[in-house]
N, C-alpha and C. Protein backbone atom coordinates (compact mmCIF):
# COMPACT_ATOMS: atom_id res chain seq x y z
N MET A 1 49.31 -89.33 174.72
CA MET A 1 50.14 -90.26 174.18
C MET A 1 51.25 -89.37 173.68
N PHE A 2 51.28 -87.70 173.68
CA PHE A 2 52.68 -86.96 173.82
C PHE A 2 52.85 -86.78 175.17
N SER A 3 54.10 -86.78 175.13
CA SER A 3 55.04 -86.99 176.78
C SER A 3 54.94 -85.88 177.17
N THR A 4 55.13 -84.21 176.35
CA THR A 4 55.41 -83.24 176.79
C THR A 4 54.39 -82.34 176.37
N PRO A 5 53.58 -80.97 176.36
CA PRO A 5 52.97 -80.03 175.54
C PRO A 5 54.08 -79.31 174.56
N GLU A 6 55.21 -79.17 175.10
CA GLU A 6 56.39 -79.10 174.33
C GLU A 6 56.36 -79.47 172.71
N GLN A 7 56.02 -80.94 172.87
CA GLN A 7 55.73 -81.68 171.78
C GLN A 7 54.90 -81.53 170.83
N ILE A 8 53.72 -81.40 171.81
CA ILE A 8 52.39 -80.93 171.01
C ILE A 8 52.47 -79.53 170.27
N SER A 9 52.86 -78.60 170.97
CA SER A 9 53.35 -77.04 170.54
C SER A 9 54.33 -77.12 169.41
N ALA A 10 55.12 -77.69 169.19
CA ALA A 10 56.21 -78.07 168.13
C ALA A 10 55.77 -78.75 167.05
N ALA A 11 54.76 -79.49 167.47
CA ALA A 11 54.17 -80.36 166.43
C ALA A 11 52.80 -79.50 165.52
N THR A 12 52.48 -78.73 166.29
CA THR A 12 51.56 -78.00 165.51
C THR A 12 52.02 -76.76 165.07
N LYS A 13 52.78 -76.23 165.58
CA LYS A 13 53.74 -75.02 164.94
C LYS A 13 54.30 -75.65 163.71
N SER A 14 54.63 -76.39 163.38
CA SER A 14 55.50 -77.48 162.32
C SER A 14 54.42 -77.49 161.17
N ALA A 15 53.07 -78.15 161.89
CA ALA A 15 52.04 -78.07 160.51
C ALA A 15 52.04 -76.61 159.98
N TYR A 16 51.58 -75.79 160.76
CA TYR A 16 50.74 -74.63 160.39
C TYR A 16 52.19 -74.03 159.19
N GLU A 17 53.37 -74.06 160.16
CA GLU A 17 54.60 -73.31 159.00
C GLU A 17 54.68 -74.09 157.64
N LEU A 18 54.36 -75.55 157.33
CA LEU A 18 54.70 -76.26 156.56
C LEU A 18 52.77 -76.17 155.63
N GLN A 19 51.65 -75.78 156.23
CA GLN A 19 50.59 -75.61 155.18
C GLN A 19 50.76 -73.89 154.78
N LEU A 20 51.36 -73.46 155.50
CA LEU A 20 51.74 -71.83 154.67
C LEU A 20 52.55 -72.01 153.86
N ALA A 21 53.92 -72.56 154.13
CA ALA A 21 55.07 -72.70 152.64
C ALA A 21 54.64 -73.35 151.76
N LEU A 22 53.17 -74.42 152.08
CA LEU A 22 52.36 -74.93 150.69
C LEU A 22 51.44 -73.86 150.26
N MET A 23 50.95 -73.26 151.19
CA MET A 23 49.98 -72.46 150.25
C MET A 23 50.78 -71.17 149.03
N THR A 24 51.69 -70.67 149.88
CA THR A 24 52.30 -69.67 149.48
C THR A 24 53.21 -70.12 148.12
N SER A 25 53.61 -71.22 148.23
CA SER A 25 54.11 -71.87 146.73
C SER A 25 53.34 -71.94 145.70
N LEU A 26 52.21 -72.51 146.05
CA LEU A 26 51.42 -72.87 144.95
C LEU A 26 50.77 -71.89 145.10
N THR A 27 50.41 -70.43 145.49
CA THR A 27 49.83 -69.62 145.31
C THR A 27 51.44 -68.51 144.23
N GLN A 28 52.20 -69.19 144.23
CA GLN A 28 53.28 -67.89 143.62
C GLN A 28 53.26 -68.78 142.37
N LYS A 29 53.29 -70.26 142.09
CA LYS A 29 52.97 -70.70 140.83
C LYS A 29 51.91 -70.50 140.26
N ALA A 30 50.63 -70.03 140.77
CA ALA A 30 49.72 -70.14 140.08
C ALA A 30 49.50 -68.40 139.48
N LEU A 31 50.41 -67.77 140.03
CA LEU A 31 50.59 -66.14 139.78
C LEU A 31 51.62 -66.25 138.62
N GLU A 32 52.71 -67.13 138.75
CA GLU A 32 53.29 -66.97 137.67
C GLU A 32 52.41 -67.76 136.33
N GLY A 33 51.93 -68.92 136.53
CA GLY A 33 50.82 -68.83 135.10
C GLY A 33 50.04 -67.92 134.45
N VAL A 34 49.27 -67.47 135.41
CA VAL A 34 48.50 -66.03 135.19
C VAL A 34 49.27 -65.29 134.49
N GLU A 35 50.48 -64.95 135.02
CA GLU A 35 51.33 -63.73 134.75
C GLU A 35 51.17 -64.12 132.92
N LYS A 36 52.00 -65.34 132.86
CA LYS A 36 51.84 -66.05 131.19
C LYS A 36 51.24 -65.79 130.94
N LEU A 37 49.80 -65.93 130.85
CA LEU A 37 48.69 -66.11 130.11
C LEU A 37 48.50 -64.40 130.01
N VAL A 38 48.65 -63.49 130.70
CA VAL A 38 48.33 -62.28 130.89
C VAL A 38 49.35 -61.77 129.35
N GLU A 39 50.60 -62.45 129.51
CA GLU A 39 51.71 -61.44 128.73
C GLU A 39 51.36 -62.70 127.27
N LEU A 40 50.98 -63.74 127.11
CA LEU A 40 50.29 -64.08 125.81
C LEU A 40 49.12 -63.78 125.12
N ASN A 41 48.62 -63.02 126.32
CA ASN A 41 47.23 -62.18 125.74
C ASN A 41 47.24 -61.23 125.14
N LEU A 42 48.21 -60.28 126.08
CA LEU A 42 48.58 -58.62 125.46
C LEU A 42 49.23 -58.55 124.26
N THR A 43 50.09 -59.84 123.85
CA THR A 43 51.02 -60.33 122.65
C THR A 43 50.12 -60.54 121.71
N VAL A 44 49.12 -61.31 122.03
CA VAL A 44 48.32 -62.04 121.01
C VAL A 44 47.12 -60.57 120.70
N ALA A 45 46.51 -59.64 121.44
CA ALA A 45 46.15 -58.89 121.30
C ALA A 45 46.59 -57.40 120.74
N ARG A 46 47.83 -57.48 120.88
CA ARG A 46 48.48 -56.37 120.17
C ARG A 46 49.06 -56.76 118.69
N THR A 47 49.44 -57.88 119.01
CA THR A 47 49.97 -58.46 117.08
C THR A 47 48.30 -58.57 116.21
N SER A 48 47.33 -59.05 117.10
CA SER A 48 45.85 -59.01 116.21
C SER A 48 45.33 -57.52 115.76
N MET A 49 45.50 -56.52 116.63
CA MET A 49 45.42 -55.34 116.42
C MET A 49 46.30 -54.21 115.09
N ASP A 50 47.70 -54.92 115.01
CA ASP A 50 48.48 -54.77 114.24
C ASP A 50 47.95 -55.01 112.45
N GLU A 51 47.79 -56.31 113.01
CA GLU A 51 47.16 -57.26 111.38
C GLU A 51 45.73 -56.41 110.80
N SER A 52 45.16 -56.46 111.80
CA SER A 52 44.08 -55.88 111.96
C SER A 52 43.78 -54.63 111.04
N SER A 53 44.85 -53.51 111.57
CA SER A 53 44.82 -52.48 111.06
C SER A 53 45.38 -52.63 109.71
N PHE A 54 46.38 -53.57 109.28
CA PHE A 54 47.06 -53.52 108.20
C PHE A 54 46.51 -54.18 107.27
N ALA A 55 45.58 -55.46 107.54
CA ALA A 55 44.25 -55.67 106.69
C ALA A 55 43.37 -55.02 106.30
N VAL A 56 42.50 -54.31 106.85
CA VAL A 56 41.74 -52.76 106.72
C VAL A 56 42.27 -51.84 105.64
N LYS A 57 43.20 -51.81 105.59
CA LYS A 57 44.12 -50.87 104.83
C LYS A 57 44.73 -51.75 103.43
N GLN A 58 44.40 -53.05 103.49
CA GLN A 58 44.45 -53.90 101.96
C GLN A 58 43.22 -53.82 101.56
N LEU A 59 42.40 -53.99 102.57
CA LEU A 59 41.21 -54.20 101.93
C LEU A 59 40.44 -52.66 101.28
N LEU A 60 40.91 -51.49 102.06
CA LEU A 60 40.27 -50.47 101.61
C LEU A 60 40.95 -50.44 100.00
N ALA A 61 42.18 -50.67 99.89
CA ALA A 61 43.12 -50.03 98.75
C ALA A 61 42.51 -51.34 97.63
N ALA A 62 41.56 -52.15 98.00
CA ALA A 62 41.12 -53.26 96.64
C ALA A 62 40.20 -52.09 95.70
N LYS A 63 40.75 -52.75 94.18
CA LYS A 63 40.41 -51.57 92.94
C LYS A 63 38.87 -52.19 92.80
N ASP A 64 38.28 -53.59 92.95
CA ASP A 64 36.82 -53.86 92.56
C ASP A 64 36.64 -54.75 93.84
N PRO A 65 35.42 -55.29 93.34
CA PRO A 65 34.85 -56.14 94.57
C PRO A 65 35.66 -57.91 94.36
N GLN A 66 36.14 -57.82 93.12
CA GLN A 66 36.87 -59.14 93.36
C GLN A 66 38.11 -59.28 93.89
N GLU A 67 38.98 -58.49 93.83
CA GLU A 67 39.92 -57.94 94.43
C GLU A 67 39.91 -57.68 95.96
N PHE A 68 38.67 -57.10 96.39
CA PHE A 68 38.20 -57.22 97.91
C PHE A 68 38.37 -58.58 98.39
N PHE A 69 37.49 -59.22 97.83
CA PHE A 69 36.65 -60.52 98.51
C PHE A 69 38.38 -61.54 98.29
N ALA A 70 38.98 -61.79 97.23
CA ALA A 70 39.68 -62.71 97.33
C ALA A 70 40.74 -61.66 98.46
N MET A 71 41.32 -60.56 98.61
CA MET A 71 42.05 -60.21 99.97
C MET A 71 41.58 -60.76 101.34
N SER A 72 40.06 -60.51 101.22
CA SER A 72 39.14 -60.68 102.38
C SER A 72 39.61 -62.32 102.98
N LYS A 73 39.37 -63.42 102.03
CA LYS A 73 39.31 -64.57 101.82
C LYS A 73 40.93 -65.45 102.15
N ALA A 74 41.87 -64.38 101.52
CA ALA A 74 43.34 -64.78 102.00
C ALA A 74 43.80 -64.52 103.12
N GLN A 75 43.23 -63.36 103.82
CA GLN A 75 43.47 -62.92 105.21
C GLN A 75 42.58 -64.12 106.44
N SER A 76 41.71 -64.45 105.94
CA SER A 76 40.76 -65.31 106.87
C SER A 76 41.83 -67.11 107.42
N GLN A 77 42.61 -66.70 106.10
CA GLN A 77 42.97 -68.30 106.18
C GLN A 77 43.91 -68.27 107.56
N PRO A 78 44.87 -67.28 107.39
CA PRO A 78 46.00 -67.84 108.73
C PRO A 78 45.16 -67.96 109.70
N GLN A 79 44.32 -67.26 110.12
CA GLN A 79 43.55 -66.64 111.29
C GLN A 79 43.32 -67.88 111.98
N ALA A 80 43.36 -69.06 111.41
CA ALA A 80 42.58 -70.60 111.87
C ALA A 80 44.48 -70.99 112.45
N GLU A 81 44.90 -71.02 111.69
CA GLU A 81 46.65 -71.04 112.12
C GLU A 81 47.07 -70.63 113.55
N LYS A 82 46.67 -69.63 113.32
CA LYS A 82 47.00 -68.38 114.87
C LYS A 82 46.30 -68.97 115.77
N ALA A 83 44.63 -69.40 115.83
CA ALA A 83 43.99 -69.65 116.94
C ALA A 83 44.83 -71.43 117.50
N VAL A 84 44.98 -72.13 116.23
CA VAL A 84 45.84 -73.68 116.70
C VAL A 84 47.11 -72.69 117.37
N SER A 85 47.80 -71.88 117.26
CA SER A 85 48.87 -71.91 117.97
C SER A 85 48.51 -71.00 118.88
N TYR A 86 47.74 -70.49 119.42
CA TYR A 86 47.21 -69.46 120.91
C TYR A 86 46.87 -71.06 121.72
N ALA A 87 45.57 -71.92 121.26
CA ALA A 87 45.58 -72.84 121.83
C ALA A 87 46.79 -73.53 122.54
N ARG A 88 47.78 -73.93 121.39
CA ARG A 88 49.42 -74.63 122.03
C ARG A 88 49.72 -74.09 123.27
N HIS A 89 49.69 -72.49 122.82
CA HIS A 89 50.75 -71.98 124.20
C HIS A 89 49.60 -71.84 125.47
N VAL A 90 48.71 -71.85 125.60
CA VAL A 90 47.70 -72.07 126.47
C VAL A 90 47.87 -73.41 127.15
N ALA A 91 47.42 -74.64 126.43
CA ALA A 91 47.84 -75.65 126.77
C ALA A 91 49.48 -76.02 127.87
N SER A 92 50.44 -75.14 126.75
CA SER A 92 51.44 -75.40 127.32
C SER A 92 51.88 -74.76 128.98
N ILE A 93 51.50 -72.99 129.35
CA ILE A 93 51.21 -72.70 130.32
C ILE A 93 50.36 -73.41 131.42
N ALA A 94 49.15 -74.21 130.58
CA ALA A 94 48.46 -75.11 132.12
C ALA A 94 49.02 -76.20 132.27
N SER A 95 50.01 -76.74 131.49
CA SER A 95 50.89 -78.36 131.37
C SER A 95 51.64 -77.90 132.57
N GLU A 96 52.33 -76.40 132.12
CA GLU A 96 53.51 -76.55 133.10
C GLU A 96 53.16 -75.74 134.38
N VAL A 97 52.18 -75.36 134.84
CA VAL A 97 51.55 -74.86 136.08
C VAL A 97 50.93 -76.34 136.64
N GLN A 98 50.15 -77.25 136.12
CA GLN A 98 49.84 -78.42 136.64
C GLN A 98 50.85 -79.28 137.17
N ALA A 99 52.21 -78.98 136.27
CA ALA A 99 53.50 -79.75 136.99
C ALA A 99 54.13 -79.08 138.15
N GLU A 100 54.03 -77.69 138.05
CA GLU A 100 55.00 -77.31 139.15
C GLU A 100 54.16 -77.36 140.32
N PHE A 101 52.76 -76.96 140.32
CA PHE A 101 51.92 -77.76 141.43
C PHE A 101 52.01 -78.90 141.74
N ALA A 102 52.41 -79.86 140.73
CA ALA A 102 52.64 -81.43 141.74
C ALA A 102 53.91 -81.30 142.39
N LYS A 103 54.93 -80.63 141.85
CA LYS A 103 56.19 -81.09 142.34
C LYS A 103 56.32 -80.11 143.88
N VAL A 104 55.72 -78.84 143.77
CA VAL A 104 55.67 -78.28 145.08
C VAL A 104 54.96 -79.05 146.04
N ALA A 105 53.66 -79.64 145.70
CA ALA A 105 52.76 -80.32 146.41
C ALA A 105 53.41 -81.69 147.34
N GLU A 106 54.29 -82.37 146.32
CA GLU A 106 54.85 -83.70 146.58
C GLU A 106 55.79 -83.14 147.30
N ALA A 107 56.68 -82.50 147.32
CA ALA A 107 57.56 -81.62 148.46
C ALA A 107 57.37 -82.11 149.39
N GLN A 108 56.57 -80.79 149.54
CA GLN A 108 56.01 -80.56 151.05
C GLN A 108 55.23 -81.35 151.44
N ILE A 109 54.46 -82.61 151.14
CA ILE A 109 53.70 -83.97 151.96
C ILE A 109 54.77 -84.57 152.18
N SER A 110 56.26 -84.92 151.26
CA SER A 110 57.15 -85.60 151.76
C SER A 110 57.69 -85.04 153.23
N GLU A 111 58.16 -83.66 152.67
CA GLU A 111 58.39 -82.96 154.35
C GLU A 111 57.30 -83.13 155.55
N VAL A 112 56.28 -83.09 155.17
CA VAL A 112 55.41 -83.36 156.53
C VAL A 112 55.20 -85.23 156.55
N ASN A 113 55.67 -85.58 155.87
CA ASN A 113 55.60 -87.07 156.78
C ASN A 113 57.17 -87.38 157.30
N GLN A 114 57.94 -86.77 156.54
CA GLN A 114 59.09 -87.00 157.31
C GLN A 114 58.85 -86.82 158.98
N LYS A 115 58.73 -85.23 159.28
CA LYS A 115 58.17 -84.69 160.61
C LYS A 115 57.51 -85.57 161.05
N VAL A 116 56.20 -85.93 160.80
CA VAL A 116 55.52 -86.64 161.39
C VAL A 116 56.08 -88.03 162.45
N ALA A 117 56.72 -88.91 160.86
CA ALA A 117 57.81 -89.79 161.31
C ALA A 117 58.52 -89.83 162.40
N LYS A 118 59.00 -88.74 162.22
CA LYS A 118 59.94 -88.59 163.58
C LYS A 118 59.49 -87.71 164.72
N LEU A 119 58.64 -87.19 164.52
CA LEU A 119 57.62 -87.01 166.08
C LEU A 119 57.08 -88.11 166.42
N VAL A 120 56.52 -89.08 165.60
CA VAL A 120 56.19 -90.37 166.16
C VAL A 120 57.04 -91.51 166.96
N GLU A 121 58.02 -91.17 165.87
CA GLU A 121 59.17 -92.08 166.83
C GLU A 121 59.77 -91.64 168.30
N ASP A 122 59.46 -90.10 168.14
CA ASP A 122 60.20 -89.11 169.98
C ASP A 122 58.98 -89.59 170.84
N VAL A 123 57.72 -89.70 170.06
CA VAL A 123 56.87 -90.15 171.05
C VAL A 123 56.94 -91.55 171.24
N ALA A 124 57.42 -92.48 171.01
CA ALA A 124 57.30 -93.47 171.37
C ALA A 124 58.53 -94.01 172.00
N LYS A 125 59.52 -92.97 171.73
CA LYS A 125 60.71 -93.33 172.81
C LYS A 125 60.32 -93.22 174.32
N ASN A 126 59.45 -92.20 174.43
CA ASN A 126 59.20 -91.34 175.68
C ASN A 126 57.61 -91.72 176.21
N ALA A 127 57.23 -93.00 175.13
CA ALA A 127 55.88 -93.47 175.72
C ALA A 127 56.00 -94.39 177.02
N PRO A 128 54.92 -94.16 177.92
CA PRO A 128 54.83 -95.47 178.88
C PRO A 128 54.61 -96.79 178.26
N ALA A 129 54.87 -97.36 179.05
CA ALA A 129 54.83 -99.26 179.41
C ALA A 129 53.45 -99.22 178.74
N GLY A 130 53.14 -99.94 177.90
CA GLY A 130 51.73 -100.18 177.58
C GLY A 130 50.89 -99.80 176.56
N SER A 131 51.73 -98.69 176.08
CA SER A 131 50.91 -97.79 174.79
C SER A 131 51.91 -98.18 173.66
N GLU A 132 52.28 -99.59 173.55
CA GLU A 132 52.95 -100.03 171.72
C GLU A 132 51.77 -99.97 171.42
N SER A 133 50.48 -100.78 171.50
CA SER A 133 49.75 -100.92 170.98
C SER A 133 49.14 -99.58 170.15
N VAL A 134 48.98 -98.12 171.08
CA VAL A 134 48.54 -97.03 170.42
C VAL A 134 49.28 -97.22 169.49
N ILE A 135 50.73 -96.70 169.24
CA ILE A 135 51.75 -96.11 169.01
C ILE A 135 51.45 -96.86 167.54
N ALA A 136 51.51 -98.35 167.65
CA ALA A 136 51.52 -99.10 166.46
C ALA A 136 50.17 -99.02 165.69
N MET A 137 49.33 -98.60 165.75
CA MET A 137 47.63 -98.33 165.32
C MET A 137 48.47 -96.72 164.81
N PHE A 138 48.88 -95.51 165.61
CA PHE A 138 49.06 -94.74 164.86
C PHE A 138 49.72 -94.72 163.75
N LYS A 139 50.95 -95.44 163.83
CA LYS A 139 52.25 -96.22 162.56
C LYS A 139 50.91 -96.14 161.60
N SER A 140 50.29 -97.26 161.83
CA SER A 140 49.40 -97.97 160.62
C SER A 140 48.67 -97.14 160.12
N ALA A 141 47.94 -96.10 161.00
CA ALA A 141 47.50 -95.04 160.37
C ALA A 141 48.03 -94.29 158.97
N MET A 142 49.22 -93.64 159.72
CA MET A 142 50.15 -92.83 158.90
C MET A 142 50.49 -93.60 158.01
N GLY A 143 50.70 -94.77 157.66
CA GLY A 143 51.07 -95.75 157.00
C GLY A 143 50.18 -95.95 155.35
N ASN A 144 48.91 -95.72 156.11
CA ASN A 144 47.59 -96.36 155.79
C ASN A 144 47.20 -94.50 154.24
N ALA A 145 47.39 -93.64 155.29
CA ALA A 145 47.27 -91.75 154.69
C ALA A 145 48.43 -92.31 153.35
N ASN A 146 49.48 -92.36 153.67
CA ASN A 146 50.53 -92.27 152.77
C ASN A 146 50.14 -92.83 151.47
N ALA A 147 49.61 -94.28 151.76
CA ALA A 147 49.04 -94.84 150.96
C ALA A 147 48.42 -94.45 149.35
N GLY A 148 47.42 -93.79 151.06
CA GLY A 148 46.02 -93.01 150.10
C GLY A 148 46.77 -91.89 149.38
N TYR A 149 47.60 -91.14 149.63
CA TYR A 149 48.00 -90.17 149.09
C TYR A 149 48.49 -90.39 147.57
N GLU A 150 49.49 -91.74 148.26
CA GLU A 150 50.67 -91.69 146.66
C GLU A 150 49.85 -92.09 145.89
N GLN A 151 48.10 -93.29 145.82
CA GLN A 151 47.29 -93.71 144.94
C GLN A 151 46.89 -91.87 144.54
N MET A 152 46.34 -91.39 145.41
CA MET A 152 45.99 -90.30 144.93
C MET A 152 46.80 -89.15 143.82
N SER A 153 47.78 -89.23 144.27
CA SER A 153 48.88 -88.48 143.37
C SER A 153 49.44 -89.16 141.95
N ARG A 154 49.09 -90.69 141.97
CA ARG A 154 49.15 -90.82 140.49
C ARG A 154 48.22 -91.11 139.92
N THR A 155 46.96 -90.73 140.73
CA THR A 155 45.69 -90.74 139.79
C THR A 155 45.61 -89.55 139.14
N ALA A 156 46.32 -88.49 140.12
CA ALA A 156 46.56 -87.06 139.32
C ALA A 156 47.36 -87.09 138.17
N LYS A 157 48.41 -87.57 138.71
CA LYS A 157 48.98 -87.20 137.81
C LYS A 157 48.73 -87.92 136.08
N GLN A 158 47.69 -89.39 136.36
CA GLN A 158 47.21 -90.11 135.11
C GLN A 158 46.05 -88.83 134.37
N ALA A 159 45.40 -88.41 135.35
CA ALA A 159 44.15 -87.40 135.07
C ALA A 159 45.07 -86.29 134.12
N ALA A 160 46.14 -85.83 134.75
CA ALA A 160 46.50 -84.75 133.97
C ALA A 160 47.14 -84.86 132.69
N ALA A 161 47.60 -86.11 132.58
CA ALA A 161 48.30 -86.65 131.36
C ALA A 161 47.09 -86.86 130.55
N THR A 162 46.28 -87.47 130.71
CA THR A 162 45.33 -87.64 129.72
C THR A 162 44.63 -86.40 129.55
N ILE A 163 44.32 -85.40 130.02
CA ILE A 163 43.64 -83.94 129.63
C ILE A 163 44.63 -83.06 128.96
N GLU A 164 45.80 -83.45 129.14
CA GLU A 164 47.13 -82.99 128.21
C GLU A 164 46.78 -83.62 126.87
N GLY A 165 47.04 -84.64 126.89
CA GLY A 165 46.50 -85.33 125.87
C GLY A 165 45.81 -85.33 124.92
N ASN A 166 44.34 -84.82 125.68
CA ASN A 166 43.26 -84.88 125.01
C ASN A 166 43.15 -82.96 124.35
N VAL A 167 43.78 -82.45 125.10
CA VAL A 167 44.50 -81.16 124.39
C VAL A 167 45.36 -81.14 123.27
N THR A 168 46.20 -81.97 123.67
CA THR A 168 47.01 -81.96 122.20
C THR A 168 46.18 -82.59 120.95
N SER A 169 45.54 -83.51 121.66
CA SER A 169 44.92 -84.02 120.48
C SER A 169 44.01 -83.22 119.63
N ALA A 170 43.13 -82.20 120.38
CA ALA A 170 42.60 -81.45 120.09
C ALA A 170 42.93 -80.39 119.13
N VAL A 171 44.28 -80.07 119.39
CA VAL A 171 44.60 -78.62 118.90
C VAL A 171 45.27 -79.35 117.61
N SER A 172 45.74 -80.98 117.53
CA SER A 172 46.05 -81.35 116.70
C SER A 172 45.18 -81.60 115.27
N GLN A 173 43.88 -81.92 115.88
CA GLN A 173 42.60 -81.87 115.04
C GLN A 173 42.33 -80.70 113.97
N LEU A 174 42.66 -79.74 115.14
CA LEU A 174 41.81 -78.41 114.89
C LEU A 174 43.14 -77.63 113.39
N SER A 175 44.62 -78.29 113.88
CA SER A 175 45.34 -78.12 113.11
C SER A 175 45.27 -78.97 111.60
N GLU A 176 44.94 -79.72 111.73
CA GLU A 176 44.74 -80.63 110.47
C GLU A 176 43.19 -79.95 109.87
N ALA A 177 42.35 -79.76 110.30
CA ALA A 177 41.36 -79.18 109.87
C ALA A 177 41.54 -77.42 109.17
N SER A 178 42.60 -76.94 109.75
CA SER A 178 42.87 -75.73 109.17
C SER A 178 43.35 -76.44 108.46
N ALA A 179 44.94 -77.04 108.24
CA ALA A 179 45.50 -77.34 106.63
C ALA A 179 44.23 -77.75 105.72
N LYS A 180 43.31 -78.59 106.20
CA LYS A 180 42.28 -79.38 104.72
C LYS A 180 41.79 -78.03 104.43
N ALA A 181 41.50 -76.99 105.18
CA ALA A 181 40.27 -75.80 104.72
C ALA A 181 41.04 -75.07 104.20
N THR A 182 42.44 -74.60 104.39
CA THR A 182 43.81 -73.69 103.79
C THR A 182 43.78 -74.83 102.33
N ARG A 183 43.98 -75.59 102.07
CA ARG A 183 44.34 -76.30 100.87
C ARG A 183 43.54 -76.46 100.22
N GLY A 184 41.92 -76.20 100.54
CA GLY A 184 40.77 -76.50 99.77
C GLY A 184 40.26 -74.98 99.49
N ALA A 185 40.80 -73.93 100.42
CA ALA A 185 40.33 -72.67 99.92
C ALA A 185 41.53 -72.34 98.68
N SER A 186 42.72 -72.81 98.89
CA SER A 186 43.42 -72.37 97.64
C SER A 186 43.10 -72.94 96.14
N LYS A 187 42.72 -73.92 96.38
CA LYS A 187 42.89 -74.87 95.14
C LYS A 187 41.00 -74.48 94.39
N LYS A 188 40.20 -73.26 95.12
CA LYS A 188 39.10 -72.59 94.22
C LYS A 188 39.88 -71.41 93.76
């Protein structure tokens, strides 16, 4: 089907280069997401350590058991809010990474499709007489593969939106439960 070995070589080299570029881009985006998570966790650890130290000092300064338990109860209420905030940050980072993955993959796949289409056109120009049916079959297969990719892409986007919605809903429910618990504890 290919008229020259150079076309085969060029197509293979181009495919490998595109795959390498895709893997490099995806790895970079994954590392950026991990970096953000590490930064968030370090910040949370530092803050938690400082707050714990302060809380222990306050508890040790309590004059009687009632004051100790009142302080202990008051200090535990903001922890639920902090957990909700942490969950929101993690969900935000995960959503950003997923969006970047989708953007990089779509760009790379679009580029691959363009190069393959150009290659097919070049081969079609140089193809011997009688090979039109083979070229038409190849174009049809390429069209079907593109349609399959587009469907997979839509499904992946819908799944990501569903997951993001579920995480948002869970964080909202946790936030509401925390607010109810805080209101209930403050009434006592």
